[in-house]
Amino acid sequence: MARALLEAEGIEVVGEAADGESAISEAERLRPQLVLLDIQLPGIDGFEVAARLGEASDPPAVVLTSSHAASSYRRRLAQSPARAFIPKGELSGEALAALLA
């Protein structure tokens, strides 16, 4: 769903992953500018993926997303190396592009 929305808005989506471990592998292989992570990934969650990606020598910008409000994750978001949190209902190509500007 996110892929179709973002591609319709002109964002090039270079990869997808079904779980946290795959997200790390794909990000290391593809080296994208930005990684959009669902917080509730199977296996390791989006927060842990963001932390591991942040350890790279040239880490991508990480944006976390969830169907839950940011207030549900307040403490963990404050400690995360992720650049931002965007609720799924507000996800758009424009919002992501603004974070890279």
C-alpha atoms as a PDB file:
ATOM      1  CA  MET A   1       0.000   0.000   0.000  1.00  0.00           C
ATOM      2  CA  ALA A   2       2.736   2.499   0.936  1.00  0.00           C
ATOM      3  CA  ARG A   3       4.708   1.611  -2.176  1.00  0.00           C
ATOM      4  CA  ALA A   4       1.801   2.384  -4.524  1.00  0.00           C
ATOM      5  CA  LEU A   5       1.048   5.656  -2.715  1.00  0.00           C
ATOM      6  CA  LEU A   6       4.658   6.833  -2.830  1.00  0.00           C
ATOM      7  CA  GLU A   7       5.272   5.793  -6.427  1.00  0.00           C
ATOM      8  CA  ALA A   8       2.076   7.581  -7.484  1.00  0.00           C
ATOM      9  CA  GLU A   9       3.574  10.721  -5.925  1.00  0.00           C
ATOM     10  CA  GLY A  10       6.887  10.389  -7.772  1.00  0.00           C
ATOM     11  CA  ILE A  11       8.983   8.704  -5.080  1.00  0.00           C
ATOM     12  CA  GLU A  12      11.233   5.942  -6.433  1.00  0.00           C
ATOM     13  CA  VAL A  13      10.862   2.878  -4.226  1.00  0.00           C
ATOM     14  CA  VAL A  14      13.953   0.703  -4.671  1.00  0.00           C
ATOM     15  CA  GLY A  15      13.101  -2.134  -2.299  1.00  0.00           C
ATOM     16  CA  GLU A  16      10.760  -3.697   0.209  1.00  0.00           C
ATOM     17  CA  ALA A  17      11.170  -6.059   3.130  1.00  0.00           C
ATOM     18  CA  ALA A  18       8.705  -8.221   5.008  1.00  0.00           C
ATOM     19  CA  ASP A  19      10.510  -8.215   8.374  1.00  0.00           C
ATOM     20  CA  GLY A  20      13.207  -6.450  10.359  1.00  0.00           C
ATOM     21  CA  GLU A  21      16.129  -8.683   9.390  1.00  0.00           C
ATOM     22  CA  SER A  22      15.242  -8.398   5.699  1.00  0.00           C
ATOM     23  CA  ALA A  23      14.946  -4.623   6.053  1.00  0.00           C
ATOM     24  CA  ILE A  24      18.518  -4.431   7.323  1.00  0.00           C
ATOM     25  CA  SER A  25      19.819  -6.712   4.565  1.00  0.00           C
ATOM     26  CA  GLU A  26      17.992  -4.807   1.835  1.00  0.00           C
ATOM     27  CA  ALA A  27      19.125  -1.410   3.142  1.00  0.00           C
ATOM     28  CA  GLU A  28      22.741  -2.605   3.233  1.00  0.00           C
ATOM     29  CA  ARG A  29      22.451  -4.031  -0.291  1.00  0.00           C
ATOM     30  CA  LEU A  30      20.517  -1.174  -1.920  1.00  0.00           C
ATOM     31  CA  ARG A  31      21.974   1.795   0.047  1.00  0.00           C
ATOM     32  CA  PRO A  32      18.876   4.027  -0.284  1.00  0.00           C
ATOM     33  CA  GLN A  33      18.765   7.681   0.748  1.00  0.00           C
ATOM     34  CA  LEU A  34      15.740   7.037   2.931  1.00  0.00           C
ATOM     35  CA  VAL A  35      14.304   3.987   4.668  1.00  0.00           C
ATOM     36  CA  LEU A  36      10.648   4.011   5.663  1.00  0.00           C
ATOM     37  CA  LEU A  37      10.084   1.548   8.508  1.00  0.00           C
ATOM     38  CA  ASP A  38       6.903   0.306  10.072  1.00  0.00           C
ATOM     39  CA  ILE A  39       7.482   0.197  13.807  1.00  0.00           C
ATOM     40  CA  GLN A  40       5.661  -3.115  14.148  1.00  0.00           C
ATOM     41  CA  LEU A  41       7.766  -5.297  11.865  1.00  0.00           C
ATOM     42  CA  PRO A  42       7.834  -9.051  12.403  1.00  0.00           C
ATOM     43  CA  GLY A  43      11.007 -10.209  14.129  1.00  0.00           C
ATOM     44  CA  ILE A  44      13.017  -7.195  15.204  1.00  0.00           C
ATOM     45  CA  ASP A  45      10.937  -4.030  15.328  1.00  0.00           C
ATOM     46  CA  GLY A  46      11.430  -0.776  13.450  1.00  0.00           C
ATOM     47  CA  PHE A  47      13.197   0.861  16.391  1.00  0.00           C
ATOM     48  CA  GLU A  48      15.873  -1.844  16.442  1.00  0.00           C
ATOM     49  CA  VAL A  49      16.232  -1.731  12.653  1.00  0.00           C
ATOM     50  CA  ALA A  50      16.683   2.061  12.840  1.00  0.00           C
ATOM     51  CA  ALA A  51      19.342   1.658  15.525  1.00  0.00           C
ATOM     52  CA  ARG A  52      21.262  -0.913  13.491  1.00  0.00           C
ATOM     53  CA  LEU A  53      21.044   1.137  10.288  1.00  0.00           C
ATOM     54  CA  GLY A  54      22.258   4.173  12.229  1.00  0.00           C
ATOM     55  CA  GLU A  55      25.520   2.356  12.974  1.00  0.00           C
ATOM     56  CA  ALA A  56      26.531   2.298   9.280  1.00  0.00           C
ATOM     57  CA  SER A  57      29.338   4.573   8.118  1.00  0.00           C
ATOM     58  CA  ASP A  58      26.926   6.402   5.787  1.00  0.00           C
ATOM     59  CA  PRO A  59      23.490   5.669   7.245  1.00  0.00           C
ATOM     60  CA  PRO A  60      20.272   6.359   5.361  1.00  0.00           C
ATOM     61  CA  ALA A  61      17.697   8.753   6.725  1.00  0.00           C
ATOM     62  CA  VAL A  62      15.177   6.614   8.602  1.00  0.00           C
ATOM     63  CA  VAL A  63      11.517   7.506   8.960  1.00  0.00           C
ATOM     64  CA  LEU A  64       9.350   5.439  11.247  1.00  0.00           C
ATOM     65  CA  THR A  65       5.648   4.960  10.618  1.00  0.00           C
ATOM     66  CA  SER A  66       2.757   3.279  12.392  1.00  0.00           C
ATOM     67  CA  SER A  67      -1.004   3.148  12.441  1.00  0.00           C
ATOM     68  CA  HIS A  68      -0.698   4.135  16.115  1.00  0.00           C
ATOM     69  CA  ALA A  69      -0.148   7.730  17.227  1.00  0.00           C
ATOM     70  CA  ALA A  70       3.314   9.027  18.111  1.00  0.00           C
ATOM     71  CA  SER A  71       2.181   9.344  21.724  1.00  0.00           C
ATOM     72  CA  SER A  72       2.090   5.529  21.886  1.00  0.00           C
ATOM     73  CA  TYR A  73       5.866   5.504  21.323  1.00  0.00           C
ATOM     74  CA  ARG A  74       6.950   8.817  22.854  1.00  0.00           C
ATOM     75  CA  ARG A  75       9.937   7.565  24.882  1.00  0.00           C
ATOM     76  CA  ARG A  76      11.239   5.214  22.210  1.00  0.00           C
ATOM     77  CA  LEU A  77      10.880   7.858  19.496  1.00  0.00           C
ATOM     78  CA  ALA A  78      12.890  10.325  21.595  1.00  0.00           C
ATOM     79  CA  GLN A  79      15.709   7.770  21.904  1.00  0.00           C
ATOM     80  CA  SER A  80      15.610   6.613  18.280  1.00  0.00           C
ATOM     81  CA  PRO A  81      18.138   7.712  15.648  1.00  0.00           C
ATOM     82  CA  ALA A  82      15.240   7.963  13.177  1.00  0.00           C
ATOM     83  CA  ARG A  83      14.905  11.348  11.517  1.00  0.00           C
ATOM     84  CA  ALA A  84      11.134  11.450  11.958  1.00  0.00           C
ATOM     85  CA  PHE A  85       7.893   9.669  12.666  1.00  0.00           C
ATOM     86  CA  ILE A  86       4.961   9.971  10.273  1.00  0.00           C
ATOM     87  CA  PRO A  87       1.628   8.354  11.152  1.00  0.00           C
ATOM     88  CA  LYS A  88       0.439   6.085   8.326  1.00  0.00           C
ATOM     89  CA  GLY A  89      -2.613   8.281   7.807  1.00  0.00           C
ATOM     90  CA  GLU A  90      -0.327  11.258   7.036  1.00  0.00           C
ATOM     91  CA  LEU A  91       2.216   9.408   4.900  1.00  0.00           C
ATOM     92  CA  SER A  92       2.880  11.075   1.560  1.00  0.00           C
ATOM     93  CA  GLY A  93       5.644  11.607  -0.931  1.00  0.00           C
ATOM     94  CA  GLU A  94       5.591  15.283  -0.077  1.00  0.00           C
ATOM     95  CA  ALA A  95       6.124  14.584   3.631  1.00  0.00           C
ATOM     96  CA  LEU A  96       9.081  12.293   2.889  1.00  0.00           C
ATOM     97  CA  ALA A  97      10.625  14.692   0.376  1.00  0.00           C
ATOM     98  CA  ALA A  98      10.443  17.497   2.952  1.00  0.00           C
ATOM     99  CA  LEU A  99      12.499  15.374   5.354  1.00  0.00           C
ATOM    100  CA  LEU A 100      15.250  14.933   2.776  1.00  0.00           C
ATOM    101  CA  ALA A 101      15.408  18.635   1.867  1.00  0.00           C
END
